[in-house]
Amino acid sequence: MSNIDKQALREAAEKATQGPWEMEQENIWFTDKDGYTKHLAYVEQGDDVDDKQDHYNTAYIAAANPAIMLALLDENIQLHREKDAIEAVALALRDDMRQAREQLEAAERRKADNQEPAGYHVIKECGKVGCSVATLEEAEKTRDFWNKKWTIRPYFYTAQPASERERIRREHAEWSDATFGDVGPVGPLKHLSKEALEAAADPSDPLEWADMQFLLWDAQRRMGISDEFITRAMIEKLEINKSRQWPEPKDGEPRLHIKEQPAPVVPPAIEPDYEVIKGILPTTNPDEYACCIAADMWNACRADMFQGGQPVSNRDELSSPVIPDGYALVPIVPTEDMVINGFESEPDPHFSDEKVWAEYEALSGCRRAARRAELCWAAMIKAAPKQEGNNG
């Protein structure tokens, strides 16, 4: 906006002679309402301008007459009025949109209030979820059985908006980078196994599920894998899973597909014949006795290969395993305690004994890896369930 005093300009234009102005050399004439032409002004030529410039100046004065100036001022007022009207409409629309948003939020709250809970959490005194059940009656019975001071809280299946989920994901990434620095995806994936075991121990605790989601996000981001890439991989893996055979489902057991076992290749039985034994052991020169021993050993191994295809329970149901000195009987699939103790055996600058950490830190990269393996193995064996065996 200019600094022109429009009101002063209007007053000056209104006091001046009205009507159209005309120029004739240095004279300015106007015609009144009765049609009479009257001399209005004489523009004297300045000393510093020539005749041509004097002509232009006089023409400008005639063109910028009061009628023109008043019309321009009126047009400016009209523009301001239209601008004010547009701003009023915009403010009204903003108020309408705010009111519509408030009504929508109120409707969502009413919907949530009227929605049936998906289930009920029984909350311990410490604030953690003790368990989750489907009905209020079950929740009350559970609370009364364990501790009447526990509280009951309903929960609903309401998905978070995508924008809220992405905001949390973004904030977690910023926090993770600031806290752990520029590291790879292996650390979050190793930590994920620990959180999965904790979630398995208490599946009703939503904080354990949140930790697993954070670690998956972190590992994926640090690996540079997009959501679209994982989606394509999931489509491919789903088809693979559908084509596999799966055992009968058992609650609490890992879901392992049935792998096709190759049929063992069992050689034919042999006789204690010199040429046969010589063909198997070309560097020897066996006599008759040695041929008999070799044939017996061969056929015994062959029989054991056939026996190896039978279940352990059929072969060894009348005997206990012999455990030599220096060995331990451990399960094929490690228990939860074994995994946790193995995971926590790795030396740590914050939790390990200072001497232990100093010795570990002094090792080279390869020796560190070997030391971690030794500690993990020892911790897992120590945490393995004890079972009586036959030591001979």
Protein backbone atom coordinates (compact mmCIF):
# COMPACT_ATOMS: atom_id res chain seq x y z
CA MET A 1 0.00 0.00 0.00
CA SER A 2 1.21 3.55 -0.82
CA ASN A 3 1.45 6.42 1.67
CA ILE A 4 -0.81 8.70 -0.39
CA ASP A 5 -3.32 10.58 1.73
CA LYS A 6 -6.37 9.58 -0.26
CA GLN A 7 -8.76 11.69 1.77
CA ALA A 8 -6.70 14.87 1.21
CA LEU A 9 -6.53 14.04 -2.47
CA ARG A 10 -10.30 13.60 -2.59
CA GLU A 11 -10.95 16.94 -0.85
CA ALA A 12 -8.61 18.74 -3.24
CA ALA A 13 -10.33 17.15 -6.26
CA GLU A 14 -13.80 18.03 -4.98
CA LYS A 15 -12.84 21.74 -4.46
CA ALA A 16 -11.33 22.06 -7.94
CA THR A 17 -13.32 23.06 -11.04
CA GLN A 18 -15.37 20.09 -12.19
CA GLY A 19 -16.07 19.01 -15.75
CA PRO A 20 -13.90 17.75 -18.59
CA TRP A 21 -10.70 19.68 -19.20
CA GLU A 22 -9.15 20.36 -22.58
CA MET A 23 -5.70 21.66 -23.51
CA GLU A 24 -4.81 24.24 -26.15
CA GLN A 25 -1.10 25.03 -26.14
CA GLU A 26 -0.42 26.35 -22.64
CA ASN A 27 -4.11 27.01 -21.88
CA ILE A 28 -6.55 24.67 -20.17
CA TRP A 29 -10.23 25.04 -20.94
CA PHE A 30 -13.37 23.35 -19.61
CA THR A 31 -16.98 23.26 -20.74
CA ASP A 32 -19.66 23.87 -18.11
CA LYS A 33 -23.02 22.10 -17.89
CA ASP A 34 -24.63 24.75 -20.09
CA GLY A 35 -22.14 24.16 -22.89
CA TYR A 36 -20.10 27.30 -22.42
CA THR A 37 -16.36 26.97 -22.85
CA LYS A 38 -14.36 28.83 -20.23
CA HIS A 39 -10.68 29.51 -19.74
CA LEU A 40 -9.52 27.64 -16.68
CA ALA A 41 -5.76 28.11 -16.40
CA TYR A 42 -2.64 29.13 -18.19
CA VAL A 43 0.47 26.99 -17.73
CA GLU A 44 3.51 29.16 -18.06
CA GLN A 45 6.48 27.49 -19.67
CA GLY A 46 9.39 27.03 -17.32
CA ASP A 47 12.84 28.29 -18.04
CA ASP A 48 14.35 24.78 -18.00
CA VAL A 49 11.95 23.03 -20.43
CA ASP A 50 11.47 23.37 -24.15
CA ASP A 51 8.19 23.76 -26.01
CA LYS A 52 7.72 20.02 -26.47
CA GLN A 53 8.15 19.18 -22.79
CA ASP A 54 5.91 22.12 -21.83
CA HIS A 55 3.25 20.61 -24.09
CA TYR A 56 3.53 17.21 -22.33
CA ASN A 57 3.26 18.74 -18.87
CA THR A 58 0.15 20.71 -19.77
CA ALA A 59 -1.44 17.58 -21.30
CA TYR A 60 -0.79 15.65 -18.08
CA ILE A 61 -2.43 18.32 -15.91
CA ALA A 62 -5.47 18.27 -18.14
CA ALA A 63 -5.65 14.45 -18.08
CA ALA A 64 -5.39 14.22 -14.26
CA ASN A 65 -8.50 16.35 -13.76
CA PRO A 66 -10.75 16.09 -10.70
CA ALA A 67 -13.27 13.77 -12.39
CA ILE A 68 -10.57 11.22 -13.19
CA MET A 69 -9.08 11.37 -9.70
CA LEU A 70 -12.48 10.94 -8.01
CA ALA A 71 -13.24 7.92 -10.23
CA LEU A 72 -9.92 6.31 -9.27
CA LEU A 73 -10.58 6.92 -5.60
CA ASP A 74 -14.07 5.38 -5.85
CA GLU A 75 -12.62 2.33 -7.60
CA ASN A 76 -10.06 1.93 -4.84
CA ILE A 77 -12.79 2.03 -2.19
CA GLN A 78 -14.74 -0.64 -4.06
CA LEU A 79 -11.69 -2.89 -4.21
CA HIS A 80 -11.21 -2.58 -0.45
CA ARG A 81 -14.85 -3.45 0.15
CA GLU A 82 -14.56 -6.55 -2.03
CA LYS A 83 -11.39 -7.56 -0.20
CA ASP A 84 -13.13 -7.20 3.17
CA ALA A 85 -16.03 -9.30 1.86
CA ILE A 86 -13.68 -12.07 0.72
CA GLU A 87 -11.91 -12.09 4.10
CA ALA A 88 -15.27 -12.31 5.87
CA VAL A 89 -16.24 -15.33 3.73
CA ALA A 90 -12.87 -16.99 4.43
CA LEU A 91 -13.29 -16.47 8.18
CA ALA A 92 -16.82 -17.88 8.01
CA LEU A 93 -15.54 -20.94 6.11
CA ARG A 94 -12.80 -21.46 8.68
CA ASP A 95 -15.34 -21.33 11.48
CA ASP A 96 -17.61 -23.77 9.60
CA MET A 97 -14.71 -26.19 9.06
CA ARG A 98 -13.73 -26.02 12.73
CA GLN A 99 -17.31 -26.65 13.75
CA ALA A 100 -17.58 -29.59 11.31
CA ARG A 101 -14.34 -31.07 12.68
CA GLU A 102 -15.57 -30.74 16.25
CA GLN A 103 -18.85 -32.41 15.30
CA LEU A 104 -16.96 -35.26 13.61
CA GLU A 105 -14.73 -35.76 16.65
CA ALA A 106 -17.78 -35.73 18.90
CA ALA A 107 -19.43 -38.35 16.69
CA GLU A 108 -16.29 -40.51 16.87
CA ARG A 109 -16.28 -40.21 20.65
CA ARG A 110 -19.94 -41.19 20.81
CA LYS A 111 -19.21 -44.14 18.55
CA ALA A 112 -16.35 -45.23 20.79
CA ASP A 113 -18.54 -44.83 23.87
CA ASN A 114 -21.21 -47.04 22.30
CA GLN A 115 -18.74 -49.61 20.92
CA GLU A 116 -18.53 -52.97 22.63
CA PRO A 117 -15.06 -53.64 24.11
CA ALA A 118 -12.96 -56.24 22.32
CA GLY A 119 -11.95 -57.56 25.73
CA TYR A 120 -10.75 -56.60 29.19
CA HIS A 121 -7.29 -56.15 30.71
CA VAL A 122 -6.78 -57.13 34.32
CA ILE A 123 -4.22 -54.60 35.57
CA LYS A 124 -1.80 -55.40 38.41
CA GLU A 125 -1.03 -52.91 41.17
CA CYS A 126 2.28 -52.09 39.46
CA GLY A 127 0.37 -50.99 36.36
CA LYS A 128 1.32 -53.92 34.11
CA VAL A 129 -1.28 -56.08 32.40
CA GLY A 130 -1.79 -59.28 34.37
CA CYS A 131 -3.92 -60.96 31.73
CA SER A 132 -6.54 -60.24 29.08
CA VAL A 133 -9.91 -61.96 28.83
CA ALA A 134 -12.92 -61.72 26.55
CA THR A 135 -15.72 -60.83 28.99
CA LEU A 136 -16.16 -58.61 32.02
CA GLU A 137 -17.34 -61.59 34.05
CA GLU A 138 -14.09 -63.46 33.35
CA ALA A 139 -12.09 -60.36 34.25
CA GLU A 140 -13.88 -59.99 37.60
CA LYS A 141 -13.39 -63.68 38.44
CA THR A 142 -9.69 -63.46 37.58
CA ARG A 143 -9.22 -60.32 39.67
CA ASP A 144 -11.07 -61.76 42.66
CA PHE A 145 -9.04 -64.98 42.47
CA TRP A 146 -5.61 -63.34 42.34
CA ASN A 147 -5.90 -59.95 44.00
CA LYS A 148 -9.01 -57.85 44.57
CA LYS A 149 -6.88 -54.70 44.47
CA TRP A 150 -6.21 -55.26 40.78
CA THR A 151 -8.23 -53.13 38.36
CA ILE A 152 -10.12 -53.92 35.15
CA ARG A 153 -9.85 -51.89 31.97
CA PRO A 154 -11.66 -52.49 28.67
CA TYR A 155 -9.77 -52.31 25.38
CA PHE A 156 -11.00 -51.71 21.84
CA TYR A 157 -9.78 -52.69 18.39
CA THR A 158 -9.32 -49.21 16.95
CA ALA A 159 -6.50 -48.79 14.47
CA GLN A 160 -4.26 -45.74 14.83
CA PRO A 161 -4.37 -43.32 11.88
CA ALA A 162 -1.55 -43.86 9.42
CA SER A 163 -0.19 -40.38 10.06
CA GLU A 164 0.07 -41.05 13.81
CA ARG A 165 1.85 -44.35 13.20
CA GLU A 166 4.30 -42.70 10.82
CA ARG A 167 4.95 -39.91 13.32
CA ILE A 168 5.84 -42.45 16.02
CA ARG A 169 8.02 -44.33 13.53
CA ARG A 170 9.85 -41.13 12.60
CA GLU A 171 10.36 -40.05 16.22
CA HIS A 172 11.71 -43.51 17.14
CA ALA A 173 14.19 -43.37 14.24
CA GLU A 174 15.48 -39.97 15.41
CA TRP A 175 15.80 -41.20 19.01
CA SER A 176 17.53 -44.44 17.93
CA ASP A 177 20.10 -42.61 15.79
CA ALA A 178 20.83 -40.12 18.56
CA THR A 179 21.14 -42.90 21.18
CA PHE A 180 22.91 -45.75 19.34
CA GLY A 181 24.59 -43.93 16.46
CA ASP A 182 25.25 -45.20 12.96
CA VAL A 183 25.17 -48.98 13.49
CA GLY A 184 23.92 -51.81 11.31
CA PRO A 185 20.76 -53.96 11.56
CA VAL A 186 22.36 -56.90 13.42
CA GLY A 187 22.11 -55.35 16.89
CA PRO A 188 18.34 -54.68 16.74
CA LEU A 189 17.74 -58.16 15.29
CA LYS A 190 19.69 -59.84 18.12
CA HIS A 191 17.80 -57.75 20.66
CA LEU A 192 14.56 -58.78 18.95
CA SER A 193 15.08 -62.44 19.94
CA LYS A 194 15.30 -61.39 23.60
CA GLU A 195 12.15 -59.27 23.38
CA ALA A 196 10.31 -62.11 21.60
CA LEU A 197 11.05 -64.46 24.49
CA GLU A 198 9.84 -61.85 26.98
CA ALA A 199 6.65 -61.37 24.94
CA ALA A 200 6.15 -65.14 24.85
CA ALA A 201 6.39 -65.17 28.64
CA ASP A 202 3.70 -62.46 28.91
CA PRO A 203 1.80 -62.12 25.60
CA SER A 204 -0.77 -59.79 27.17
CA ASP A 205 1.77 -57.02 27.84
CA PRO A 206 1.41 -54.46 25.01
CA LEU A 207 4.78 -52.87 25.86
CA GLU A 208 6.59 -56.04 24.81
CA TRP A 209 4.80 -55.94 21.47
CA ALA A 210 5.77 -52.28 21.09
CA ASP A 211 9.44 -53.13 21.72
CA MET A 212 9.37 -55.82 19.03
CA GLN A 213 7.78 -53.41 16.54
CA PHE A 214 10.38 -50.74 17.31
CA LEU A 215 13.23 -53.22 16.78
CA LEU A 216 11.77 -54.46 13.49
CA TRP A 217 11.40 -50.87 12.27
CA ASP A 218 14.96 -50.05 13.36
CA ALA A 219 16.55 -53.10 11.72
CA GLN A 220 14.59 -52.54 8.50
CA ARG A 221 15.55 -48.87 8.34
CA ARG A 222 19.22 -49.51 9.09
CA MET A 223 19.28 -52.21 6.40
CA GLY A 224 17.76 -49.75 3.91
CA ILE A 225 14.76 -51.95 3.09
CA SER A 226 11.49 -50.25 2.13
CA ASP A 227 7.99 -51.35 3.14
CA GLU A 228 7.24 -52.10 -0.52
CA PHE A 229 10.25 -54.43 -0.75
CA ILE A 230 9.09 -56.38 2.31
CA THR A 231 5.55 -56.56 0.92
CA ARG A 232 6.82 -58.15 -2.28
CA ALA A 233 8.91 -60.61 -0.27
CA MET A 234 5.88 -61.47 1.88
CA ILE A 235 3.82 -62.24 -1.22
CA GLU A 236 6.53 -64.62 -2.45
CA LYS A 237 7.01 -66.23 0.99
CA LEU A 238 3.28 -66.72 1.45
CA GLU A 239 3.16 -68.84 -1.70
CA ILE A 240 6.11 -70.89 -0.43
CA ASN A 241 4.43 -71.45 2.95
CA LYS A 242 1.19 -72.50 1.27
CA SER A 243 3.04 -75.17 -0.70
CA ARG A 244 4.70 -76.71 2.37
CA GLN A 245 3.42 -79.36 4.74
CA TRP A 246 2.83 -78.40 8.34
CA PRO A 247 2.32 -80.58 11.44
CA GLU A 248 -0.76 -80.51 13.60
CA PRO A 249 -0.88 -77.18 15.45
CA LYS A 250 0.12 -77.21 19.11
CA ASP A 251 -0.37 -74.13 21.24
CA GLY A 252 2.90 -72.81 22.60
CA GLU A 253 5.07 -74.76 20.15
CA PRO A 254 7.09 -73.17 17.31
CA ARG A 255 5.62 -73.65 13.84
CA LEU A 256 8.16 -75.69 11.88
CA HIS A 257 7.29 -77.05 8.47
CA ILE A 258 7.92 -80.69 7.63
CA LYS A 259 11.11 -81.11 5.64
CA GLU A 260 11.40 -83.96 3.18
CA GLN A 261 14.08 -86.33 4.44
CA PRO A 262 16.23 -87.94 1.74
CA ALA A 263 16.16 -91.72 1.74
CA PRO A 264 19.44 -93.11 3.13
CA VAL A 265 21.68 -94.77 0.58
CA VAL A 266 22.49 -98.18 2.09
CA PRO A 267 25.12 -100.29 0.34
CA PRO A 268 24.48 -103.99 -0.27
CA ALA A 269 25.74 -106.65 2.12
CA ILE A 270 29.07 -108.28 1.30
CA GLU A 271 30.64 -111.71 1.77
CA PRO A 272 34.12 -112.25 3.24
CA ASP A 273 35.57 -112.67 -0.23
CA TYR A 274 39.17 -111.63 -0.91
CA GLU A 275 38.41 -109.84 -4.21
CA VAL A 276 35.47 -107.95 -2.67
CA ILE A 277 37.46 -106.77 0.33
CA LYS A 278 40.45 -105.93 -1.89
CA GLY A 279 38.13 -103.81 -4.06
CA ILE A 280 37.00 -101.84 -1.00
CA LEU A 281 40.49 -101.60 0.56
CA PRO A 282 42.88 -101.66 -2.38
CA THR A 283 45.98 -100.81 -0.30
CA THR A 284 45.62 -103.90 1.92
CA ASN A 285 46.43 -107.56 1.43
CA PRO A 286 43.94 -109.27 3.78
CA ASP A 287 44.03 -112.91 4.72
CA GLU A 288 40.94 -115.03 5.32
CA TYR A 289 40.56 -113.93 8.94
CA ALA A 290 40.88 -110.23 8.03
CA CYS A 291 38.30 -110.66 5.27
CA CYS A 292 35.81 -112.09 7.75
CA ILE A 293 36.36 -109.23 10.20
CA ALA A 294 36.05 -106.59 7.42
CA ALA A 295 32.84 -108.18 6.11
CA ASP A 296 31.35 -108.34 9.63
CA MET A 297 32.17 -104.65 10.24
CA TRP A 298 30.75 -103.64 6.85
CA ASN A 299 27.49 -105.53 7.38
CA ALA A 300 27.17 -104.24 10.96
CA CYS A 301 27.44 -100.63 9.74
CA ARG A 302 24.92 -101.44 7.00
CA ALA A 303 22.46 -102.80 9.58
CA ASP A 304 22.93 -99.70 11.74
CA MET A 305 22.13 -97.48 8.75
CA PHE A 306 18.84 -99.29 8.33
CA GLN A 307 18.18 -98.99 12.07
CA GLY A 308 18.94 -95.23 11.90
CA GLY A 309 15.67 -94.61 10.06
CA GLN A 310 13.62 -95.84 13.04
CA PRO A 311 12.41 -93.52 15.83
CA VAL A 312 14.73 -93.19 18.78
CA SER A 313 11.98 -94.44 21.08
CA ASN A 314 11.90 -97.80 19.26
CA ARG A 315 15.66 -98.29 19.25
CA ASP A 316 16.61 -97.12 22.69
CA GLU A 317 13.50 -97.64 24.78
CA LEU A 318 15.31 -100.15 27.01
CA SER A 319 18.53 -98.21 27.48
CA SER A 320 19.66 -94.83 28.75
CA PRO A 321 22.20 -92.69 26.87
CA VAL A 322 25.78 -93.06 27.97
CA ILE A 323 27.27 -89.68 28.91
CA PRO A 324 31.09 -89.68 28.85
CA ASP A 325 33.05 -87.50 31.26
CA GLY A 326 33.27 -83.91 30.03
CA TYR A 327 29.96 -84.10 28.15
CA ALA A 328 26.42 -83.01 29.06
CA LEU A 329 22.97 -84.14 27.96
CA VAL A 330 21.16 -81.11 26.51
CA PRO A 331 17.93 -80.72 24.49
CA ILE A 332 18.15 -80.43 20.70
CA VAL A 333 15.99 -77.28 20.80
CA PRO A 334 17.33 -74.87 23.47
CA THR A 335 14.96 -73.81 26.20
CA GLU A 336 14.00 -70.20 26.89
CA ASP A 337 16.42 -70.04 29.86
CA MET A 338 19.26 -71.40 27.71
CA VAL A 339 18.68 -68.77 25.02
CA ILE A 340 18.42 -65.88 27.50
CA ASN A 341 21.52 -66.94 29.44
CA GLY A 342 23.48 -67.42 26.22
CA PHE A 343 22.41 -63.99 24.98
CA GLU A 344 23.32 -62.29 28.26
CA SER A 345 26.74 -63.98 28.52
CA GLU A 346 28.40 -61.53 26.13
CA PRO A 347 30.71 -59.15 28.05
CA ASP A 348 29.32 -55.66 28.47
CA PRO A 349 31.14 -52.50 29.61
CA HIS A 350 28.23 -51.51 31.89
CA PHE A 351 27.29 -54.84 33.51
CA SER A 352 30.36 -57.12 33.37
CA ASP A 353 33.09 -57.30 36.00
CA GLU A 354 35.81 -54.76 35.23
CA LYS A 355 38.50 -57.45 34.99
CA VAL A 356 36.36 -59.60 32.69
CA TRP A 357 35.64 -56.65 30.42
CA ALA A 358 39.28 -55.52 30.34
CA GLU A 359 40.43 -59.03 29.30
CA TYR A 360 37.73 -59.20 26.64
CA GLU A 361 38.47 -55.72 25.27
CA ALA A 362 42.16 -56.58 24.93
CA LEU A 363 41.40 -59.45 22.53
CA SER A 364 41.60 -59.12 18.75
CA GLY A 365 38.48 -59.26 16.59
CA CYS A 366 38.73 -63.02 15.87
CA ARG A 367 39.58 -63.88 19.46
CA ARG A 368 36.65 -61.78 20.68
CA ALA A 369 34.27 -63.74 18.46
CA ALA A 370 35.73 -67.02 19.74
CA ARG A 371 35.44 -65.81 23.36
CA ARG A 372 31.77 -64.85 22.84
CA ALA A 373 31.07 -68.30 21.43
CA GLU A 374 32.80 -69.99 24.41
CA LEU A 375 30.86 -67.91 26.95
CA CYS A 376 27.54 -68.42 25.15
CA TRP A 377 28.09 -72.20 24.93
CA ALA A 378 29.04 -72.48 28.60
CA ALA A 379 26.08 -70.35 29.74
CA MET A 380 23.58 -72.33 27.65
CA ILE A 381 24.88 -75.70 28.93
CA LYS A 382 24.77 -74.44 32.51
CA ALA A 383 21.15 -73.31 32.04
CA ALA A 384 20.09 -76.56 30.35
CA PRO A 385 17.57 -78.70 32.26
CA LYS A 386 19.36 -81.39 34.28
CA GLN A 387 18.55 -85.02 33.45
CA GLU A 388 19.96 -88.17 34.94
CA GLY A 389 21.98 -90.18 32.42
CA ASN A 390 24.01 -93.37 32.32
CA ASN A 391 27.68 -92.61 32.79
CA GLY A 392 28.64 -96.20 32.20
